[in-house]
């Protein structure tokens, strides 16, 4: 009897430690969702690729009022007004010979001056290749080499033609004569050449002061 009791109790003791209680099962579907959630946490979103760079946005056009009030801006206005009066006076009347060169020179310088004035007034001279970074030097060369030189030559031509027709100024002369037109053109050309000389000296003085801007 004692041996049987020990066997039964031993059998119970030996069987009990070998068995462990099974883990309590959770609700259906939780075990399968756990790896999916772990994988979702482990995955990272792909990096966003920045869009390709486009052309730089340009600012809106605005008037450079400081230039308009500067000595160079005021001189440019005078050059455009008197230059237009010069070539309009010549073109509105009959001209021949060297007057063709005078008209060509006046129109060429007037168009270049208009381009310089427009770019400076809008502050867009940096758009001009190579010359934009040397804008003060560009204005200097234009005024002294082209403005003074060509307008001085045109003024001399028109003054010479006015002198050739000075007989029209005699009292009682009734025929059509171009003396007054040529004289008016030569006066406008002389004043315009002086204005280009002043603007060229203004740019030269700023250049000598190590300035890089036109105002």
N, C-alpha and C. Protein backbone atom coordinates (compact mmCIF):
# COMPACT_ATOMS: atom_id res chain seq x y z
N UNK A 1 0.82 -1.20 0.00
CA UNK A 1 0.00 0.00 0.00
C UNK A 1 0.86 1.26 0.00
N UNK A 2 1.85 1.31 0.81
CA UNK A 2 2.67 2.52 0.78
C UNK A 2 3.32 2.72 -0.55
N UNK A 3 3.74 1.64 -1.19
CA UNK A 3 4.41 1.80 -2.50
C UNK A 3 3.44 2.29 -3.54
N UNK A 4 2.20 1.81 -3.48
CA UNK A 4 1.23 2.27 -4.46
C UNK A 4 0.91 3.73 -4.26
N UNK A 5 0.81 4.15 -3.00
CA UNK A 5 0.52 5.55 -2.75
C UNK A 5 1.65 6.43 -3.23
N UNK A 6 2.92 5.93 -2.95
CA UNK A 6 4.05 6.74 -3.42
C UNK A 6 4.07 6.81 -4.91
N UNK A 7 3.73 5.66 -5.61
CA UNK A 7 3.72 5.67 -7.07
C UNK A 7 2.68 6.62 -7.59
N UNK A 8 1.52 6.58 -6.96
CA UNK A 8 0.47 7.47 -7.44
C UNK A 8 0.83 8.91 -7.21
N UNK A 9 1.39 9.16 -5.99
CA UNK A 9 1.76 10.55 -5.71
C UNK A 9 2.94 10.99 -6.54
N UNK A 10 3.90 10.03 -6.79
CA UNK A 10 5.05 10.38 -7.64
C UNK A 10 4.62 10.64 -9.06
N UNK A 11 3.65 9.80 -9.46
CA UNK A 11 3.18 9.99 -10.84
C UNK A 11 2.51 11.34 -10.98
N UNK A 12 1.81 11.70 -9.94
CA UNK A 12 1.16 13.02 -9.99
C UNK A 12 2.16 14.14 -9.94
N UNK A 13 3.22 13.96 -9.08
CA UNK A 13 4.22 15.03 -8.99
C UNK A 13 5.04 15.14 -10.25
N UNK A 14 5.38 13.92 -10.85
CA UNK A 14 6.21 13.98 -12.05
C UNK A 14 5.44 14.52 -13.24
N UNK A 15 4.14 14.29 -13.30
CA UNK A 15 3.36 14.78 -14.43
C UNK A 15 3.02 16.24 -14.32
N UNK A 16 2.88 16.69 -13.10
CA UNK A 16 2.45 18.08 -12.94
C UNK A 16 3.49 19.07 -13.38
N UNK A 17 4.81 18.91 -13.02
CA UNK A 17 5.80 19.91 -13.46
C UNK A 17 5.99 19.90 -14.97
N UNK A 18 5.81 18.74 -15.64
CA UNK A 18 6.03 18.69 -17.08
C UNK A 18 4.96 19.40 -17.86
N UNK A 19 3.83 19.65 -17.29
CA UNK A 19 2.76 20.32 -18.02
C UNK A 19 2.70 21.78 -17.59
N UNK A 20 2.65 22.60 -18.58
CA UNK A 20 2.50 24.04 -18.31
C UNK A 20 1.18 24.49 -18.88
N UNK A 21 0.56 25.41 -18.25
CA UNK A 21 -0.75 25.86 -18.74
C UNK A 21 -0.57 26.57 -20.07
N UNK A 22 -1.42 26.22 -21.00
CA UNK A 22 -1.35 26.83 -22.34
C UNK A 22 -1.71 28.30 -22.24
N UNK A 23 -1.05 29.07 -23.13
CA UNK A 23 -1.32 30.52 -23.13
C UNK A 23 -2.76 30.77 -23.50
N UNK A 24 -3.29 31.70 -22.83
CA UNK A 24 -4.70 31.97 -23.05
C UNK A 24 -4.88 32.60 -24.42
N UNK A 25 -5.67 31.93 -25.20
CA UNK A 25 -5.86 32.39 -26.58
C UNK A 25 -6.67 33.66 -26.58
N UNK A 26 -6.22 34.57 -27.42
CA UNK A 26 -6.94 35.83 -27.52
C UNK A 26 -8.07 35.70 -28.51
N UNK A 27 -8.70 36.78 -28.83
CA UNK A 27 -9.79 36.75 -29.79
C UNK A 27 -9.27 36.41 -31.16
N UNK A 28 -10.05 35.80 -32.02
CA UNK A 28 -9.57 35.37 -33.33
C UNK A 28 -9.20 36.57 -34.18
N UNK A 29 -8.05 36.38 -34.87
CA UNK A 29 -7.58 37.42 -35.76
C UNK A 29 -6.50 38.30 -35.17
N UNK A 30 -6.38 38.37 -33.84
CA UNK A 30 -5.36 39.23 -33.22
C UNK A 30 -3.96 38.72 -33.50
N UNK A 31 -3.76 37.43 -33.45
CA UNK A 31 -2.42 36.87 -33.66
C UNK A 31 -1.95 37.11 -35.07
N UNK A 32 -2.85 37.04 -36.02
CA UNK A 32 -2.43 37.27 -37.41
C UNK A 32 -2.20 38.74 -37.71
N UNK A 33 -2.90 39.65 -36.98
CA UNK A 33 -2.73 41.08 -37.26
C UNK A 33 -1.48 41.65 -36.64
N UNK A 34 -0.93 40.99 -35.64
CA UNK A 34 0.24 41.54 -34.96
C UNK A 34 1.43 41.67 -35.89
N UNK A 35 1.80 40.63 -36.70
CA UNK A 35 2.94 40.83 -37.63
C UNK A 35 2.66 41.91 -38.65
N UNK A 36 1.40 42.03 -39.08
CA UNK A 36 1.09 43.07 -40.07
C UNK A 36 1.31 44.45 -39.48
N UNK A 37 0.88 44.62 -38.19
CA UNK A 37 1.09 45.92 -37.58
C UNK A 37 2.57 46.19 -37.38
N UNK A 38 3.32 45.16 -37.01
CA UNK A 38 4.76 45.34 -36.83
C UNK A 38 5.42 45.71 -38.15
N UNK A 39 4.97 45.06 -39.25
CA UNK A 39 5.55 45.40 -40.55
C UNK A 39 5.19 46.81 -40.98
N UNK A 40 3.96 47.23 -40.64
CA UNK A 40 3.54 48.58 -41.01
C UNK A 40 4.35 49.62 -40.26
N UNK A 41 4.67 49.29 -38.96
CA UNK A 41 5.49 50.23 -38.22
C UNK A 41 6.90 50.28 -38.76
N UNK A 42 7.41 49.14 -39.24
CA UNK A 42 8.79 49.08 -39.74
C UNK A 42 8.95 49.77 -41.07
N UNK A 43 7.86 49.80 -41.89
CA UNK A 43 7.97 50.43 -43.21
C UNK A 43 7.96 51.94 -43.06
N UNK A 44 8.82 52.62 -43.80
CA UNK A 44 8.86 54.08 -43.82
C UNK A 44 8.38 54.58 -45.17
N UNK A 45 7.82 55.77 -45.19
CA UNK A 45 7.32 56.34 -46.45
C UNK A 45 8.49 56.69 -47.36
N UNK A 46 8.37 56.46 -48.67
CA UNK A 46 9.48 56.79 -49.59
C UNK A 46 9.74 58.29 -49.58
N UNK A 47 11.01 58.70 -49.71
CA UNK A 47 11.33 60.14 -49.68
C UNK A 47 10.72 60.86 -50.87
N UNK A 48 10.24 62.05 -50.61
CA UNK A 48 9.63 62.84 -51.68
C UNK A 48 10.72 63.48 -52.53
N UNK A 49 10.57 63.40 -53.83
CA UNK A 49 11.55 63.98 -54.75
C UNK A 49 11.15 65.42 -55.04
N UNK A 50 12.05 66.38 -54.82
CA UNK A 50 11.68 67.79 -55.10
C UNK A 50 11.48 68.00 -56.59
N UNK A 51 10.59 68.91 -56.97
CA UNK A 51 10.35 69.17 -58.39
C UNK A 51 11.59 69.80 -59.03
N UNK A 52 11.78 69.61 -60.33
CA UNK A 52 12.94 70.20 -60.99
C UNK A 52 12.89 71.72 -60.91
N UNK A 53 14.05 72.34 -60.74
CA UNK A 53 14.05 73.81 -60.63
C UNK A 53 13.60 74.47 -61.91
N UNK A 54 12.77 75.48 -61.80
CA UNK A 54 12.28 76.22 -62.96
C UNK A 54 13.03 77.53 -63.11
N UNK A 55 12.65 78.35 -64.09
CA UNK A 55 13.32 79.64 -64.26
C UNK A 55 13.01 80.56 -63.10
N UNK A 56 13.99 81.38 -62.71
CA UNK A 56 13.75 82.28 -61.57
C UNK A 56 12.64 83.26 -61.88
N UNK A 57 11.81 83.50 -60.89
CA UNK A 57 10.69 84.43 -61.09
C UNK A 57 11.21 85.86 -61.11
N UNK A 58 10.76 86.62 -62.09
CA UNK A 58 11.17 88.01 -62.22
C UNK A 58 10.18 88.90 -61.48
N UNK A 59 10.74 89.94 -60.89
CA UNK A 59 9.89 90.89 -60.21
C UNK A 59 9.12 91.73 -61.20
N UNK A 60 8.09 92.36 -60.71
CA UNK A 60 7.28 93.20 -61.57
C UNK A 60 8.06 94.46 -61.94
N UNK A 61 7.79 94.95 -63.14
CA UNK A 61 8.47 96.14 -63.62
C UNK A 61 8.03 97.35 -62.81
N UNK A 62 8.98 98.18 -62.46
CA UNK A 62 8.68 99.40 -61.73
C UNK A 62 9.69 100.46 -62.14
N UNK A 63 9.27 101.71 -62.07
CA UNK A 63 10.13 102.81 -62.48
C UNK A 63 11.21 103.06 -61.44
N UNK A 64 12.41 103.30 -61.94
CA UNK A 64 13.54 103.64 -61.08
C UNK A 64 13.51 105.15 -60.87
N UNK A 65 12.71 105.59 -59.91
CA UNK A 65 12.47 107.02 -59.76
C UNK A 65 13.72 107.78 -59.34
N UNK A 66 14.62 107.12 -58.63
CA UNK A 66 15.86 107.80 -58.25
C UNK A 66 16.68 108.17 -59.49
N UNK A 67 16.66 107.30 -60.49
CA UNK A 67 17.38 107.61 -61.74
C UNK A 67 16.70 108.76 -62.47
N UNK A 68 15.39 108.78 -62.45
CA UNK A 68 14.66 109.83 -63.16
C UNK A 68 14.93 111.21 -62.56
N UNK A 69 15.21 111.25 -61.26
CA UNK A 69 15.49 112.53 -60.60
C UNK A 69 16.98 112.86 -60.57
N UNK A 70 17.82 111.95 -61.04
CA UNK A 70 19.26 112.16 -61.01
C UNK A 70 19.70 113.08 -62.15
N UNK A 71 20.91 113.67 -62.07
CA UNK A 71 21.39 114.51 -63.18
C UNK A 71 21.46 113.77 -64.51
N UNK A 72 21.86 112.50 -64.47
CA UNK A 72 21.95 111.74 -65.72
C UNK A 72 20.57 111.52 -66.33
N UNK A 73 19.57 111.24 -65.49
CA UNK A 73 18.23 111.04 -66.01
C UNK A 73 17.66 112.30 -66.64
N UNK A 74 17.88 113.45 -66.00
CA UNK A 74 17.39 114.71 -66.55
C UNK A 74 18.12 115.07 -67.85
N UNK A 75 19.43 114.79 -67.91
CA UNK A 75 20.16 115.04 -69.14
C UNK A 75 19.68 114.14 -70.27
N UNK A 76 19.33 112.91 -69.93
CA UNK A 76 18.81 112.00 -70.96
C UNK A 76 17.49 112.52 -71.53
N UNK A 77 16.64 113.05 -70.70
CA UNK A 77 15.37 113.60 -71.19
C UNK A 77 15.63 114.76 -72.15
N UNK A 78 16.57 115.63 -71.79
CA UNK A 78 16.90 116.73 -72.69
C UNK A 78 17.50 116.26 -73.99
N UNK A 79 18.35 115.24 -73.93
CA UNK A 79 18.96 114.70 -75.15
C UNK A 79 17.91 114.09 -76.08
N UNK A 80 16.96 113.39 -75.50
CA UNK A 80 15.91 112.78 -76.32
C UNK A 80 15.02 113.85 -76.96
N UNK A 81 14.68 114.87 -76.20
CA UNK A 81 13.80 115.91 -76.74
C UNK A 81 14.48 116.71 -77.85
N UNK A 82 15.70 117.20 -77.60
CA UNK A 82 16.39 118.01 -78.60
C UNK A 82 16.89 117.15 -79.77
N UNK A 83 17.25 115.90 -79.48
CA UNK A 83 17.66 115.02 -80.58
C UNK A 83 16.51 114.74 -81.53
N UNK A 84 15.31 114.53 -80.97
CA UNK A 84 14.14 114.32 -81.82
C UNK A 84 13.83 115.58 -82.62
N UNK A 85 13.98 116.75 -82.00
CA UNK A 85 13.75 118.00 -82.73
C UNK A 85 14.74 118.16 -83.88
N UNK A 86 15.98 117.71 -83.68
CA UNK A 86 16.99 117.81 -84.74
C UNK A 86 16.63 116.95 -85.95
N UNK A 87 16.41 115.63 -85.71
CA UNK A 87 16.21 114.77 -86.89
C UNK A 87 14.82 114.93 -87.50
N UNK A 88 13.83 115.36 -86.71
CA UNK A 88 12.52 115.63 -87.29
C UNK A 88 12.58 116.88 -88.19
N UNK A 89 13.34 117.89 -87.76
CA UNK A 89 13.47 119.10 -88.58
C UNK A 89 14.16 118.80 -89.90
N UNK A 90 15.20 117.97 -89.85
CA UNK A 90 15.91 117.62 -91.09
C UNK A 90 15.03 116.74 -91.97
N UNK A 91 14.35 115.75 -91.36
CA UNK A 91 13.57 114.82 -92.17
C UNK A 91 12.32 115.46 -92.74
N UNK A 92 11.82 116.51 -92.12
CA UNK A 92 10.59 117.14 -92.59
C UNK A 92 10.82 118.05 -93.80
N UNK A 93 12.08 118.32 -94.14
CA UNK A 93 12.39 119.20 -95.26
C UNK A 93 13.25 118.44 -96.28
N UNK A 94 13.36 119.04 -97.41
CA UNK A 94 14.18 118.43 -98.47
C UNK A 94 15.65 118.51 -98.07
N UNK A 95 16.33 117.40 -98.15
CA UNK A 95 17.75 117.36 -97.80
C UNK A 95 18.50 116.54 -98.84
N UNK A 96 19.78 116.82 -98.99
CA UNK A 96 20.59 116.11 -99.98
C UNK A 96 22.03 116.13 -99.51
N UNK A 97 22.83 115.33 -100.16
CA UNK A 97 24.26 115.30 -99.89
C UNK A 97 24.59 114.84 -98.49
N UNK A 98 25.42 115.63 -97.81
CA UNK A 98 25.90 115.26 -96.48
C UNK A 98 24.80 115.29 -95.44
N UNK A 99 23.66 115.90 -95.77
CA UNK A 99 22.55 115.91 -94.80
C UNK A 99 22.04 114.50 -94.54
N UNK A 100 22.23 113.58 -95.49
CA UNK A 100 21.84 112.18 -95.24
C UNK A 100 22.64 111.60 -94.07
N UNK A 101 23.94 111.88 -94.04
CA UNK A 101 24.75 111.39 -92.92
C UNK A 101 24.33 112.03 -91.62
N UNK A 102 24.03 113.34 -91.65
CA UNK A 102 23.60 114.03 -90.43
C UNK A 102 22.32 113.41 -89.88
N UNK A 103 21.39 113.11 -90.78
CA UNK A 103 20.14 112.49 -90.33
C UNK A 103 20.37 111.09 -89.79
N UNK A 104 21.21 110.31 -90.47
CA UNK A 104 21.51 108.95 -90.01
C UNK A 104 22.18 108.98 -88.63
N UNK A 105 23.15 109.86 -88.44
CA UNK A 105 23.85 109.94 -87.16
C UNK A 105 22.91 110.35 -86.03
N UNK A 106 22.03 111.30 -86.32
CA UNK A 106 21.11 111.77 -85.28
C UNK A 106 20.13 110.68 -84.88
N UNK A 107 19.59 109.96 -85.85
CA UNK A 107 18.63 108.91 -85.53
C UNK A 107 19.31 107.75 -84.80
N UNK A 108 20.53 107.40 -85.21
CA UNK A 108 21.24 106.31 -84.55
C UNK A 108 21.50 106.63 -83.08
N UNK A 109 22.04 107.80 -82.81
CA UNK A 109 22.33 108.17 -81.42
C UNK A 109 21.04 108.31 -80.62
N UNK A 110 19.99 108.81 -81.25
CA UNK A 110 18.72 108.96 -80.54
C UNK A 110 18.15 107.61 -80.13
N UNK A 111 18.21 106.62 -81.01
CA UNK A 111 17.70 105.29 -80.68
C UNK A 111 18.54 104.64 -79.58
N UNK A 112 19.86 104.78 -79.65
CA UNK A 112 20.71 104.21 -78.59
C UNK A 112 20.46 104.90 -77.25
N UNK A 113 20.26 106.20 -77.29
CA UNK A 113 19.95 106.93 -76.05
C UNK A 113 18.62 106.50 -75.47
N UNK A 114 17.65 106.27 -76.35
CA UNK A 114 16.34 105.79 -75.87
C UNK A 114 16.46 104.42 -75.21
N UNK A 115 17.30 103.54 -75.77
CA UNK A 115 17.50 102.22 -75.17
C UNK A 115 18.19 102.34 -73.80
N UNK A 116 19.22 103.18 -73.71
CA UNK A 116 19.89 103.39 -72.43
C UNK A 116 18.94 103.96 -71.39
N UNK A 117 18.15 104.93 -71.81
CA UNK A 117 17.21 105.56 -70.87
C UNK A 117 16.15 104.57 -70.40
N UNK A 118 15.60 103.78 -71.33
CA UNK A 118 14.56 102.83 -70.95
C UNK A 118 15.07 101.75 -70.00
N UNK A 119 16.24 101.17 -70.29
CA UNK A 119 16.79 100.14 -69.41
C UNK A 119 17.15 100.71 -68.05
N UNK A 120 17.68 101.91 -68.02
CA UNK A 120 18.05 102.52 -66.74
C UNK A 120 16.81 102.90 -65.94
N UNK A 121 15.78 103.38 -66.62
CA UNK A 121 14.56 103.79 -65.92
C UNK A 121 13.84 102.59 -65.31
N UNK A 122 13.87 101.44 -66.00
CA UNK A 122 13.23 100.22 -65.49
C UNK A 122 14.15 99.40 -64.61
N UNK A 123 15.43 99.79 -64.52
CA UNK A 123 16.38 99.02 -63.71
C UNK A 123 16.67 97.65 -64.27
N UNK A 124 16.69 97.49 -65.58
CA UNK A 124 16.88 96.19 -66.21
C UNK A 124 18.15 96.14 -67.06
N UNK A 125 19.14 96.96 -66.72
CA UNK A 125 20.35 96.95 -67.54
C UNK A 125 21.17 95.68 -67.36
N UNK A 126 20.92 94.92 -66.29
CA UNK A 126 21.66 93.66 -66.11
C UNK A 126 21.26 92.61 -67.14
N UNK A 127 20.15 92.83 -67.85
CA UNK A 127 19.73 91.90 -68.88
C UNK A 127 20.58 92.01 -70.15
N UNK A 128 21.33 93.09 -70.29
CA UNK A 128 22.16 93.29 -71.48
C UNK A 128 23.44 92.47 -71.30
N UNK A 129 23.75 91.55 -72.23
CA UNK A 129 24.96 90.73 -72.07
C UNK A 129 26.22 91.59 -72.09
N UNK A 130 27.11 91.30 -71.17
CA UNK A 130 28.43 91.91 -71.03
C UNK A 130 28.36 93.38 -70.67
N UNK A 131 27.53 94.16 -71.36
CA UNK A 131 27.45 95.59 -71.09
C UNK A 131 26.72 95.89 -69.79
N UNK A 132 25.81 94.99 -69.36
CA UNK A 132 25.04 95.24 -68.15
C UNK A 132 25.90 95.34 -66.92
N UNK A 133 26.98 94.55 -66.84
CA UNK A 133 27.87 94.61 -65.68
C UNK A 133 28.82 95.81 -65.75
N UNK A 134 28.85 96.50 -66.87
CA UNK A 134 29.70 97.69 -67.05
C UNK A 134 28.83 98.86 -67.50
N UNK A 135 27.72 99.06 -66.83
CA UNK A 135 26.72 100.02 -67.30
C UNK A 135 27.22 101.46 -67.23
N UNK A 136 27.96 101.81 -66.21
CA UNK A 136 28.50 103.16 -66.11
C UNK A 136 29.50 103.42 -67.24
N UNK A 137 30.36 102.46 -67.50
CA UNK A 137 31.32 102.61 -68.60
C UNK A 137 30.61 102.66 -69.94
N UNK A 138 29.54 101.88 -70.09
CA UNK A 138 28.77 101.90 -71.34
C UNK A 138 28.17 103.28 -71.59
N UNK A 139 27.59 103.88 -70.56
CA UNK A 139 27.04 105.23 -70.71
C UNK A 139 28.13 106.25 -71.02
N UNK A 140 29.28 106.08 -70.40
CA UNK A 140 30.39 107.01 -70.62
C UNK A 140 30.87 106.98 -72.07
N UNK A 141 31.09 105.76 -72.58
CA UNK A 141 31.56 105.63 -73.97
C UNK A 141 30.50 106.11 -74.96
N UNK A 142 29.26 105.78 -74.68
CA UNK A 142 28.18 106.22 -75.57
C UNK A 142 28.09 107.73 -75.65
N UNK A 143 28.20 108.41 -74.51
CA UNK A 143 28.02 109.86 -74.50
C UNK A 143 29.19 110.59 -75.15
N UNK A 144 30.42 110.20 -74.80
CA UNK A 144 31.57 110.94 -75.29
C UNK A 144 31.97 110.54 -76.71
N UNK A 145 31.86 109.25 -77.02
CA UNK A 145 32.31 108.81 -78.35
C UNK A 145 31.22 108.97 -79.40
N UNK A 146 30.01 108.52 -79.09
CA UNK A 146 28.93 108.58 -80.07
C UNK A 146 28.15 109.88 -79.98
N UNK A 147 27.69 110.21 -78.79
CA UNK A 147 26.84 111.39 -78.65
C UNK A 147 27.54 112.67 -79.07
N UNK A 148 28.67 112.96 -78.45
CA UNK A 148 29.38 114.20 -78.77
C UNK A 148 29.94 114.16 -80.18
N UNK A 149 30.56 113.03 -80.55
CA UNK A 149 31.20 112.94 -81.86
C UNK A 149 30.23 113.06 -83.02
N UNK A 150 29.16 112.24 -83.00
CA UNK A 150 28.23 112.24 -84.13
C UNK A 150 27.39 113.50 -84.17
N UNK A 151 26.97 114.01 -83.02
CA UNK A 151 26.16 115.23 -83.04
C UNK A 151 26.99 116.45 -83.40
N UNK A 152 28.26 116.46 -83.04
CA UNK A 152 29.12 117.57 -83.45
C UNK A 152 29.29 117.56 -84.97
N UNK A 153 29.47 116.35 -85.54
CA UNK A 153 29.60 116.27 -87.00
C UNK A 153 28.30 116.67 -87.69
N UNK A 154 27.16 116.20 -87.16
CA UNK A 154 25.87 116.55 -87.77
C UNK A 154 25.59 118.04 -87.65
N UNK A 155 25.97 118.63 -86.52
CA UNK A 155 25.77 120.07 -86.35
C UNK A 155 26.63 120.86 -87.33
N UNK A 156 27.85 120.43 -87.52
CA UNK A 156 28.72 121.10 -88.48
C UNK A 156 28.17 121.02 -89.90
N UNK A 157 27.62 119.85 -90.27
CA UNK A 157 27.05 119.69 -91.62
C UNK A 157 25.86 120.62 -91.81
N UNK A 158 24.95 120.62 -90.87
CA UNK A 158 23.76 121.45 -91.02
C UNK A 158 24.10 122.94 -90.92
N UNK A 159 25.08 123.32 -90.11
CA UNK A 159 25.50 124.72 -90.06
C UNK A 159 26.13 125.16 -91.37
N UNK A 160 26.91 124.26 -91.98
CA UNK A 160 27.50 124.59 -93.29
C UNK A 160 26.42 124.76 -94.35
N UNK A 161 25.41 123.91 -94.35
CA UNK A 161 24.33 124.04 -95.32
C UNK A 161 23.52 125.31 -95.08
N UNK A 162 23.33 125.67 -93.81
CA UNK A 162 22.62 126.92 -93.52
C UNK A 162 23.42 128.12 -94.02
N UNK A 163 24.74 128.07 -93.91
CA UNK A 163 25.58 129.17 -94.40
C UNK A 163 25.50 129.27 -95.92
N UNK A 164 25.42 128.13 -96.61
CA UNK A 164 25.32 128.15 -98.07
C UNK A 164 24.02 128.80 -98.54
N UNK A 165 23.00 128.75 -97.72
CA UNK A 165 21.70 129.32 -98.09
C UNK A 165 21.39 130.59 -97.31
N UNK A 166 22.41 131.27 -96.89
CA UNK A 166 22.20 132.51 -96.15
C UNK A 166 21.58 133.61 -97.00
N UNK A 167 21.66 133.48 -98.33
CA UNK A 167 21.06 134.49 -99.19
C UNK A 167 19.54 134.49 -99.06
N UNK A 168 18.97 133.36 -98.57
CA UNK A 168 17.51 133.32 -98.40
C UNK A 168 17.04 134.29 -97.33
N UNK A 169 17.96 134.72 -96.49
CA UNK A 169 17.58 135.60 -95.39
C UNK A 169 17.48 137.06 -95.83
N UNK A 170 17.71 137.31 -97.08
CA UNK A 170 17.65 138.69 -97.57
C UNK A 170 16.20 139.17 -97.58
N UNK A 171 15.97 140.43 -97.31
CA UNK A 171 14.60 140.95 -97.34
C UNK A 171 14.02 140.90 -98.75
N UNK A 172 12.79 140.51 -98.84
CA UNK A 172 12.09 140.46 -100.12
C UNK A 172 12.31 139.20 -100.92
N UNK A 173 13.05 138.22 -100.35
CA UNK A 173 13.26 136.97 -101.08
C UNK A 173 12.00 136.11 -100.92
N UNK A 174 11.36 135.78 -102.06
CA UNK A 174 10.06 135.11 -102.01
C UNK A 174 10.12 133.63 -102.33
N UNK A 175 11.26 133.10 -102.72
CA UNK A 175 11.34 131.69 -103.09
C UNK A 175 11.49 130.81 -101.83
N UNK A 176 11.10 129.54 -102.00
CA UNK A 176 11.23 128.60 -100.88
C UNK A 176 12.70 128.34 -100.59
N UNK A 177 13.05 128.46 -99.33
CA UNK A 177 14.45 128.26 -98.94
C UNK A 177 14.50 127.48 -97.63
N UNK A 178 15.58 126.72 -97.47
CA UNK A 178 15.74 125.87 -96.30
C UNK A 178 16.69 126.46 -95.26
N UNK A 179 16.94 127.74 -95.38
CA UNK A 179 17.90 128.35 -94.45
C UNK A 179 17.41 128.24 -93.01
N UNK A 180 16.16 128.59 -92.77
CA UNK A 180 15.65 128.57 -91.39
C UNK A 180 15.63 127.16 -90.82
N UNK A 181 15.26 126.17 -91.66
CA UNK A 181 15.22 124.78 -91.19
C UNK A 181 16.61 124.27 -90.86
N UNK A 182 17.58 124.55 -91.72
CA UNK A 182 18.95 124.10 -91.46
C UNK A 182 19.56 124.81 -90.26
N UNK A 183 19.23 126.10 -90.10
CA UNK A 183 19.75 126.82 -88.95
C UNK A 183 19.15 126.30 -87.65
N UNK A 184 17.85 126.02 -87.66
CA UNK A 184 17.21 125.47 -86.46
C UNK A 184 17.79 124.10 -86.11
N UNK A 185 18.03 123.27 -87.14
CA UNK A 185 18.60 121.94 -86.89
C UNK A 185 20.01 122.04 -86.32
N UNK A 186 20.79 122.98 -86.84
CA UNK A 186 22.15 123.11 -86.34
C UNK A 186 22.16 123.61 -84.88
N UNK A 187 21.23 124.49 -84.54
CA UNK A 187 21.15 124.97 -83.15
C UNK A 187 20.76 123.82 -82.22
N UNK A 188 19.74 123.03 -82.61
CA UNK A 188 19.34 121.88 -81.78
C UNK A 188 20.47 120.87 -81.66
N UNK A 189 21.19 120.63 -82.77
CA UNK A 189 22.31 119.69 -82.72
C UNK A 189 23.43 120.16 -81.82
N UNK A 190 23.73 121.47 -81.85
CA UNK A 190 24.79 121.98 -80.98
C UNK A 190 24.44 121.86 -79.50
N UNK A 191 23.20 122.19 -79.16
CA UNK A 191 22.79 122.07 -77.74
C UNK A 191 22.80 120.59 -77.31
N UNK A 192 22.35 119.71 -78.21
CA UNK A 192 22.33 118.28 -77.88
C UNK A 192 23.74 117.75 -77.67
N UNK A 193 24.69 118.17 -78.50
CA UNK A 193 26.09 117.76 -78.32
C UNK A 193 26.62 118.21 -76.96
N UNK A 194 26.24 119.42 -76.54
CA UNK A 194 26.66 119.91 -75.22
C UNK A 194 26.07 119.06 -74.09
N UNK A 195 24.81 118.65 -74.26
CA UNK A 195 24.19 117.80 -73.23
C UNK A 195 24.88 116.46 -73.13
N UNK A 196 25.30 115.90 -74.27
CA UNK A 196 26.05 114.64 -74.23
C UNK A 196 27.41 114.83 -73.59
N UNK A 197 28.00 116.00 -73.80
CA UNK A 197 29.28 116.28 -73.15
C UNK A 197 29.11 116.34 -71.64
N UNK A 198 28.05 116.99 -71.18
CA UNK A 198 27.80 117.08 -69.73
C UNK A 198 27.54 115.71 -69.12
N UNK A 199 26.71 114.89 -69.78
CA UNK A 199 26.43 113.56 -69.23
C UNK A 199 27.67 112.67 -69.26
N UNK A 200 28.50 112.83 -70.31
CA UNK A 200 29.74 112.06 -70.35
C UNK A 200 30.69 112.46 -69.24
N UNK A 201 30.79 113.75 -68.96
CA UNK A 201 31.65 114.21 -67.86
C UNK A 201 31.09 113.76 -66.51
N UNK A 202 29.78 113.71 -66.39
CA UNK A 202 29.17 113.21 -65.15
C UNK A 202 29.55 111.74 -64.91
N UNK A 203 29.43 110.93 -65.96
CA UNK A 203 29.81 109.51 -65.83
C UNK A 203 31.30 109.37 -65.58
N UNK A 204 32.10 110.22 -66.21
CA UNK A 204 33.55 110.15 -66.00
C UNK A 204 33.92 110.51 -64.57
N UNK A 205 33.25 111.50 -64.00
CA UNK A 205 33.54 111.86 -62.61
C UNK A 205 33.18 110.74 -61.64
N UNK A 206 32.08 110.05 -61.90
CA UNK A 206 31.73 108.92 -61.05
C UNK A 206 32.72 107.78 -61.24
N UNK A 207 33.17 107.60 -62.44
CA UNK A 207 34.17 106.56 -62.70
C UNK A 207 35.47 106.87 -61.97
N UNK A 208 35.87 108.13 -61.93
CA UNK A 208 37.10 108.50 -61.24
C UNK A 208 36.96 108.37 -59.72
N UNK A 209 35.74 108.42 -59.22
CA UNK A 209 35.49 108.26 -57.79
C UNK A 209 35.28 106.79 -57.40
N UNK A 210 35.61 105.88 -58.32
CA UNK A 210 35.47 104.42 -58.10
C UNK A 210 34.03 104.02 -57.86
N UNK A 211 33.10 104.74 -58.46
CA UNK A 211 31.69 104.37 -58.39
C UNK A 211 31.39 103.40 -59.53
N UNK A 212 30.45 102.49 -59.29
CA UNK A 212 30.10 101.50 -60.30
C UNK A 212 28.66 101.66 -60.79
N UNK A 213 27.90 102.54 -60.15
CA UNK A 213 26.50 102.73 -60.52
C UNK A 213 26.34 104.08 -61.22
N UNK A 214 25.24 104.24 -61.95
CA UNK A 214 25.04 105.47 -62.71
C UNK A 214 24.48 106.59 -61.86
N UNK A 215 23.99 106.28 -60.67
CA UNK A 215 23.47 107.32 -59.76
C UNK A 215 24.08 107.14 -58.38
